[in-house]
């Protein structure tokens, strides 16, 4: 257990069980949680008694709603090193999970967003129950879909990853399975039984059993439009295609994108296109370059102010239009950091 009790570690037979233990904060990640979790994973990777690792969130409402955004906001505003140290060590944790040599099973219940995606989607198994809700809503707070979004979003079916990145759309269990965010569905009532089987040393495949997909994916209805529209060469073209569509879904999707930070939207577009060509580790290095510039800028603080601090839902984006975000502006976020590059 960490000193704060924010994250719990248990040995249950052959299973190493991690519990994110901040239910009142929707199990949001702190810097110390990232550090102690990486250290424990490094230990369990070399422990022959541990065959499988599983991670869950305490409480009914969330697996993990993301990073502790208020703490990051306050750090950046005060100019303290906490924000960049958090992102550095969070990204290192994401890489540890991606490269973990044993089965790593995320038990997804309730909200799975932002940093919660980072500690789940890169594992070998993502088991969602009927309450799971996934999203990467970062462009709405002037950020971009990080924690490895550069890698897993371009590898979703067709252009579904770009759609998720630009809209922050919420997917329930069936859509999570369709997109590959979840790999299996196990009903919540069966989760204790699953944990017990893993503790007995069963393989994940044997323990999870043969569960069918959870209903029909609603996003499949729009898949053809998503693939056609979100394959366009820039955000402006995507919006033009959506806004010339006669259907309600296209119009609502366009309005959703236009409400996000123009800068963050263009960053996310470039990120997803670049990430499709990069290895996981190179994608994480790219994201660290990007977040360095985000922390030094305006959009993140304005987005957090409008959604979390003042809650007026009226962000003053600067620039306020996509047309005023130049290619040179975007390029600057991707420039190398020299000696400050992320070391994995």
Protein backbone atom coordinates (compact mmCIF):
# COMPACT_ATOMS: atom_id res chain seq x y z
CA UNK A 1 0.00 0.00 0.00
CA UNK A 2 1.22 3.54 -0.73
CA UNK A 3 1.64 5.84 2.25
CA UNK A 4 -1.46 7.79 1.26
CA UNK A 5 -3.58 4.67 0.70
CA UNK A 6 -4.45 6.06 -2.73
CA UNK A 7 -3.42 2.80 -4.40
CA UNK A 8 -3.49 -0.69 -2.89
CA UNK A 9 -1.45 -3.75 -3.82
CA UNK A 10 -2.40 -7.29 -2.86
CA UNK A 11 -1.06 -10.75 -3.52
CA UNK A 12 -3.87 -13.23 -4.02
CA UNK A 13 -2.20 -16.50 -4.85
CA UNK A 14 -0.82 -16.18 -8.37
CA UNK A 15 -2.47 -12.79 -8.88
CA UNK A 16 -1.06 -9.34 -8.20
CA UNK A 17 -4.11 -7.12 -7.66
CA UNK A 18 -3.96 -3.32 -7.91
CA UNK A 19 -6.83 -1.19 -6.63
CA UNK A 20 -7.02 2.53 -7.42
CA UNK A 21 -8.38 3.82 -4.13
CA UNK A 22 -9.67 7.39 -4.53
CA UNK A 23 -13.37 6.74 -5.13
CA UNK A 24 -14.46 10.26 -4.09
CA UNK A 25 -12.11 11.63 -6.78
CA UNK A 26 -13.27 8.98 -9.28
CA UNK A 27 -9.91 7.27 -8.73
CA UNK A 28 -8.04 10.06 -10.50
CA UNK A 29 -4.29 9.50 -10.70
CA UNK A 30 -1.73 11.48 -8.72
CA UNK A 31 2.01 11.63 -9.26
CA UNK A 32 2.72 9.40 -6.26
CA UNK A 33 0.26 6.79 -7.54
CA UNK A 34 2.10 6.62 -10.86
CA UNK A 35 5.45 6.21 -9.13
CA UNK A 36 4.43 3.47 -6.72
CA UNK A 37 2.48 1.58 -9.37
CA UNK A 38 5.43 1.51 -11.76
CA UNK A 39 7.72 0.33 -8.97
CA UNK A 40 5.32 -2.48 -8.06
CA UNK A 41 4.95 -3.57 -11.68
CA UNK A 42 8.74 -3.67 -12.04
CA UNK A 43 8.86 -5.87 -8.95
CA UNK A 44 6.06 -8.21 -10.05
CA UNK A 45 7.53 -8.56 -13.54
CA UNK A 46 10.44 -10.47 -11.98
CA UNK A 47 8.44 -12.34 -9.33
CA UNK A 48 7.86 -15.93 -10.44
CA UNK A 49 5.02 -16.32 -7.93
CA UNK A 50 2.96 -13.68 -9.75
CA UNK A 51 1.48 -15.05 -12.99
CA UNK A 52 -0.99 -12.28 -13.77
CA UNK A 53 -1.64 -8.69 -12.74
CA UNK A 54 -5.12 -7.16 -12.57
CA UNK A 55 -6.13 -3.55 -11.90
CA UNK A 56 -9.50 -2.20 -10.77
CA UNK A 57 -11.01 0.98 -9.35
CA UNK A 58 -12.61 1.26 -5.93
CA UNK A 59 -16.31 2.12 -5.84
CA UNK A 60 -19.21 1.91 -8.27
CA UNK A 61 -18.69 5.09 -10.30
CA UNK A 62 -15.30 4.85 -11.96
CA UNK A 63 -12.37 2.68 -12.88
CA UNK A 64 -10.36 5.90 -13.27
CA UNK A 65 -11.54 9.26 -14.60
CA UNK A 66 -8.05 10.47 -15.54
CA UNK A 67 -5.27 12.48 -13.96
CA UNK A 68 -5.89 14.88 -11.09
CA UNK A 69 -6.57 17.83 -13.37
CA UNK A 70 -7.00 20.41 -10.63
CA UNK A 71 -3.55 19.58 -9.22
CA UNK A 72 -2.02 19.88 -12.69
CA UNK A 73 -3.78 23.21 -13.24
CA UNK A 74 -2.56 24.61 -9.93
CA UNK A 75 1.00 23.42 -10.57
CA UNK A 76 1.17 24.95 -14.01
CA UNK A 77 -0.30 28.23 -12.81
CA UNK A 78 2.21 28.39 -9.96
CA UNK A 79 5.14 27.36 -12.14
CA UNK A 80 6.02 24.37 -9.95
CA UNK A 81 7.55 21.22 -11.50
CA UNK A 82 4.70 18.91 -10.42
CA UNK A 83 2.80 18.99 -13.73
CA UNK A 84 5.71 17.99 -15.96
CA UNK A 85 6.95 15.46 -13.42
CA UNK A 86 3.47 13.94 -13.34
CA UNK A 87 3.28 13.62 -17.12
CA UNK A 88 6.83 12.25 -17.35
CA UNK A 89 6.17 9.51 -14.81
CA UNK A 90 2.64 8.81 -16.03
CA UNK A 91 3.99 8.21 -19.53
CA UNK A 92 6.73 5.96 -18.13
CA UNK A 93 4.02 3.98 -16.33
CA UNK A 94 2.05 3.68 -19.58
CA UNK A 95 5.16 2.29 -21.29
CA UNK A 96 5.74 -0.18 -18.44
CA UNK A 97 2.20 -1.49 -18.91
CA UNK A 98 2.60 -1.71 -22.68
CA UNK A 99 5.78 -3.76 -22.35
CA UNK A 100 4.75 -5.77 -19.27
CA UNK A 101 5.89 -9.38 -19.78
CA UNK A 102 2.91 -11.02 -18.08
CA UNK A 103 -0.86 -10.82 -18.61
CA UNK A 104 -2.17 -7.45 -17.39
CA UNK A 105 -5.93 -7.33 -16.97
CA UNK A 106 -7.84 -4.06 -16.52
CA UNK A 107 -11.25 -4.59 -14.92
CA UNK A 108 -13.23 -1.71 -16.39
CA UNK A 109 -16.21 -0.45 -14.47
CA UNK A 110 -17.86 2.96 -14.76
CA UNK A 111 -15.84 5.88 -16.08
CA UNK A 112 -12.67 5.09 -18.03
CA UNK A 113 -11.21 8.35 -19.31
CA UNK A 114 -7.87 10.09 -19.87
CA UNK A 115 -5.28 8.69 -17.49
CA UNK A 116 -7.60 5.79 -16.72
CA UNK A 117 -7.29 4.77 -20.36
CA UNK A 118 -3.50 4.97 -20.04
CA UNK A 119 -3.41 2.41 -17.21
CA UNK A 120 -5.79 0.03 -18.97
CA UNK A 121 -5.77 0.08 -22.75
CA UNK A 122 -2.10 -0.87 -23.14
CA UNK A 123 -2.50 -4.07 -21.13
CA UNK A 124 -3.05 -7.48 -22.66
CA UNK A 125 -6.70 -7.74 -21.54
CA UNK A 126 -9.32 -4.99 -21.02
CA UNK A 127 -12.39 -6.57 -19.48
CA UNK A 128 -15.41 -4.26 -19.43
CA UNK A 129 -18.58 -4.82 -17.44
CA UNK A 130 -21.99 -3.44 -18.42
CA UNK A 131 -21.41 -0.07 -16.71
CA UNK A 132 -18.20 0.93 -18.50
CA UNK A 133 -18.00 4.32 -20.25
CA UNK A 134 -14.89 5.30 -22.24
CA UNK A 135 -13.83 8.68 -23.60
CA UNK A 136 -10.76 10.73 -24.45
CA UNK A 137 -12.23 14.25 -23.93
CA UNK A 138 -8.94 16.17 -23.74
CA UNK A 139 -9.47 18.64 -26.61
CA UNK A 140 -12.33 20.08 -24.55
CA UNK A 141 -9.81 21.26 -21.93
CA UNK A 142 -7.16 22.44 -24.37
CA UNK A 143 -5.12 19.25 -24.20
CA UNK A 144 -4.81 16.30 -26.61
CA UNK A 145 -5.58 12.56 -26.20
CA UNK A 146 -2.32 11.57 -24.55
CA UNK A 147 -1.31 8.55 -22.38
CA UNK A 148 -0.54 6.62 -25.56
CA UNK A 149 -3.47 7.85 -27.62
CA UNK A 150 -0.94 8.43 -30.39
CA UNK A 151 -0.55 4.68 -30.64
CA UNK A 152 -3.89 3.04 -29.86
CA UNK A 153 -6.27 5.54 -31.47
CA UNK A 154 -4.85 5.25 -35.02
CA UNK A 155 -5.08 1.48 -34.60
CA UNK A 156 -8.81 1.47 -33.90
CA UNK A 157 -10.93 0.24 -36.85
CA UNK A 158 -10.91 2.61 -39.81
CA UNK A 159 -11.10 6.25 -38.72
CA UNK A 160 -12.83 5.56 -35.39
CA UNK A 161 -9.72 6.69 -33.49
CA UNK A 162 -9.65 10.07 -35.22
CA UNK A 163 -13.36 10.47 -34.51
CA UNK A 164 -12.76 9.75 -30.83
CA UNK A 165 -9.79 12.12 -30.66
CA UNK A 166 -11.57 15.11 -32.21
CA UNK A 167 -15.00 14.70 -30.61
CA UNK A 168 -14.31 13.20 -27.17
CA UNK A 169 -17.29 10.92 -27.84
CA UNK A 170 -18.35 8.56 -25.08
CA UNK A 171 -18.44 4.85 -25.84
CA UNK A 172 -20.35 2.35 -23.73
CA UNK A 173 -19.41 -1.30 -23.44
CA UNK A 174 -20.57 -2.51 -26.87
CA UNK A 175 -18.79 0.36 -28.63
CA UNK A 176 -15.64 -0.19 -26.53
CA UNK A 177 -15.55 -3.79 -27.75
CA UNK A 178 -16.18 -2.69 -31.32
CA UNK A 179 -13.33 -0.18 -31.20
CA UNK A 180 -10.92 -2.58 -29.50
CA UNK A 181 -10.68 -0.43 -26.38
CA UNK A 182 -12.10 -3.41 -24.49
CA UNK A 183 -11.12 -6.95 -25.40
CA UNK A 184 -13.76 -8.88 -23.46
CA UNK A 185 -17.02 -8.36 -21.58
CA UNK A 186 -17.60 -9.95 -18.19
CA UNK A 187 -20.72 -9.00 -16.19
CA UNK A 188 -20.03 -7.12 -12.97
CA UNK A 189 -21.59 -9.92 -10.95
CA UNK A 190 -18.96 -12.31 -12.34
CA UNK A 191 -15.93 -10.13 -11.59
CA UNK A 192 -15.22 -11.59 -8.09
CA UNK A 193 -15.30 -15.05 -9.63
CA UNK A 194 -12.88 -13.93 -12.35
CA UNK A 195 -10.47 -12.58 -9.74
CA UNK A 196 -10.68 -15.84 -7.78
CA UNK A 197 -9.85 -17.92 -10.87
CA UNK A 198 -6.86 -15.71 -11.64
CA UNK A 199 -5.68 -16.04 -8.04
CA UNK A 200 -5.85 -19.83 -8.48
CA UNK A 201 -3.39 -19.54 -11.34
CA UNK A 202 -5.75 -19.94 -14.29
CA UNK A 203 -4.80 -18.25 -17.53
CA UNK A 204 -6.80 -15.11 -18.38
CA UNK A 205 -8.47 -16.91 -21.28
CA UNK A 206 -9.63 -19.76 -19.04
CA UNK A 207 -10.66 -17.41 -16.22
CA UNK A 208 -12.57 -14.98 -18.43
CA UNK A 209 -14.43 -17.73 -20.21
CA UNK A 210 -16.60 -17.41 -23.28
CA UNK A 211 -18.66 -14.25 -22.98
CA UNK A 212 -20.32 -12.75 -26.03
CA UNK A 213 -20.19 -9.11 -27.07
CA UNK A 214 -22.38 -6.83 -24.98
CA UNK A 215 -25.16 -5.87 -27.35
CA UNK A 216 -24.80 -4.10 -30.69
CA UNK A 217 -22.33 -1.26 -31.13
CA UNK A 218 -24.21 1.96 -31.86
CA UNK A 219 -21.20 3.48 -33.60
CA UNK A 220 -21.39 0.83 -36.33
CA UNK A 221 -24.39 2.70 -37.75
CA UNK A 222 -22.12 5.64 -38.56
CA UNK A 223 -18.95 3.74 -39.46
CA UNK A 224 -19.11 4.37 -43.21
CA UNK A 225 -19.54 8.12 -42.65
CA UNK A 226 -16.76 8.18 -40.05
CA UNK A 227 -14.32 6.44 -42.39
CA UNK A 228 -15.18 8.74 -45.28
CA UNK A 229 -15.20 12.02 -43.37
CA UNK A 230 -12.41 11.54 -40.84
CA UNK A 231 -9.94 10.36 -43.49
CA UNK A 232 -9.84 13.94 -44.83
CA UNK A 233 -6.54 15.79 -44.97
CA UNK A 234 -7.19 18.41 -42.29
CA UNK A 235 -9.67 19.41 -39.60
CA UNK A 236 -11.24 22.06 -41.80
CA UNK A 237 -12.01 19.46 -44.48
CA UNK A 238 -13.53 17.14 -41.89
CA UNK A 239 -15.82 19.93 -40.70
CA UNK A 240 -16.77 20.91 -44.26
CA UNK A 241 -17.80 17.32 -45.00
CA UNK A 242 -19.79 17.07 -41.79
CA UNK A 243 -21.52 20.41 -42.25
CA UNK A 244 -22.60 19.59 -45.79
CA UNK A 245 -24.20 16.40 -44.52
CA UNK A 246 -27.97 16.48 -44.26
CA UNK A 247 -28.25 14.10 -41.31
CA UNK A 248 -28.54 15.14 -37.69
CA UNK A 249 -25.54 13.06 -36.56
CA UNK A 250 -23.16 14.88 -38.93
CA UNK A 251 -24.41 18.30 -37.86
CA UNK A 252 -24.13 17.48 -34.15
CA UNK A 253 -20.65 16.02 -34.62
CA UNK A 254 -19.50 19.20 -36.36
CA UNK A 255 -20.87 21.36 -33.53
CA UNK A 256 -19.09 19.17 -30.99
CA UNK A 257 -15.72 19.60 -32.70
CA UNK A 258 -16.15 23.35 -33.12
CA UNK A 259 -16.73 23.74 -29.36
CA UNK A 260 -13.26 22.34 -28.59
CA UNK A 261 -10.03 24.31 -28.46
CA UNK A 262 -9.01 25.05 -32.08
CA UNK A 263 -5.35 24.62 -31.17
CA UNK A 264 -5.93 21.34 -29.33
CA UNK A 265 -8.08 20.06 -32.18
CA UNK A 266 -5.33 20.66 -34.72
CA UNK A 267 -2.76 19.14 -32.38
CA UNK A 268 -4.88 16.01 -31.97
CA UNK A 269 -5.33 15.68 -35.73
CA UNK A 270 -1.57 15.86 -36.33
CA UNK A 271 -0.91 13.56 -33.38
CA UNK A 272 -3.17 10.80 -34.71
CA UNK A 273 -1.79 11.01 -38.24
CA UNK A 274 1.81 10.95 -36.98
CA UNK A 275 1.10 8.25 -34.40
CA UNK A 276 -0.08 5.83 -37.08
CA UNK A 277 3.52 5.72 -38.33
CA UNK A 278 5.28 5.53 -34.94
CA UNK A 279 6.17 2.80 -32.49
CA UNK A 280 4.56 3.00 -29.07
CA UNK A 281 7.68 4.41 -27.40
CA UNK A 282 8.23 7.01 -30.11
CA UNK A 283 4.60 8.04 -29.78
CA UNK A 284 5.08 8.60 -26.05
CA UNK A 285 8.17 10.71 -26.73
CA UNK A 286 6.14 12.78 -29.18
CA UNK A 287 3.38 13.27 -26.61
CA UNK A 288 5.89 14.45 -24.01
CA UNK A 289 7.16 17.10 -26.43
CA UNK A 290 3.59 18.19 -26.99
CA UNK A 291 2.62 18.33 -23.33
CA UNK A 292 5.70 20.41 -22.54
CA UNK A 293 4.35 23.13 -24.82
CA UNK A 294 0.76 22.71 -23.61
CA UNK A 295 1.84 23.29 -20.00
CA UNK A 296 3.66 26.44 -21.08
CA UNK A 297 0.69 27.75 -23.05
CA UNK A 298 -2.83 29.14 -22.56
CA UNK A 299 -5.42 26.62 -23.77
CA UNK A 300 -5.11 23.99 -21.04
CA UNK A 301 -5.58 26.49 -18.22
CA UNK A 302 -8.51 28.17 -19.92
CA UNK A 303 -10.16 24.83 -20.65
CA UNK A 304 -9.75 23.62 -17.07
CA UNK A 305 -10.97 26.97 -15.73
CA UNK A 306 -14.14 26.82 -17.82
CA UNK A 307 -14.97 23.17 -17.13
CA UNK A 308 -13.62 22.43 -13.64
CA UNK A 309 -12.68 25.62 -11.75
CA UNK A 310 -15.38 28.19 -12.61
CA UNK A 311 -17.61 25.70 -14.46
CA UNK A 312 -19.07 28.41 -16.68
CA UNK A 313 -18.55 26.24 -19.81
CA UNK A 314 -17.47 29.36 -21.71
CA UNK A 315 -13.79 28.94 -22.57
CA UNK A 316 -12.01 31.85 -24.20
CA UNK A 317 -9.87 29.95 -26.67
CA UNK A 318 -6.87 31.78 -28.10
CA UNK A 319 -6.87 31.67 -31.08
CA UNK A 320 -10.64 31.34 -31.24
CA UNK A 321 -10.83 29.87 -34.75
CA UNK A 322 -9.15 27.05 -36.64
CA UNK A 323 -8.16 29.45 -39.40
CA UNK A 324 -5.97 31.35 -36.97
CA UNK A 325 -3.98 28.26 -35.93
CA UNK A 326 -1.17 28.04 -38.47
CA UNK A 327 0.88 25.01 -39.46
CA UNK A 328 3.88 26.75 -37.89
CA UNK A 329 1.96 27.08 -34.61
CA UNK A 330 1.28 23.34 -34.63
CA UNK A 331 4.84 22.45 -35.67
CA UNK A 332 6.19 24.15 -32.56
CA UNK A 333 4.45 21.63 -30.28
CA UNK A 334 6.24 18.73 -31.97
CA UNK A 335 9.77 20.17 -31.93
CA UNK A 336 12.47 18.13 -30.12
CA UNK A 337 13.21 18.92 -26.47
CA UNK A 338 16.94 18.23 -26.55
CA UNK A 339 18.15 17.11 -23.14
CA UNK A 340 14.58 17.26 -21.78
CA UNK A 341 13.32 14.44 -24.03
CA UNK A 342 11.35 11.64 -22.36
CA UNK A 343 13.62 8.78 -21.34
CA UNK A 344 11.91 5.38 -21.25
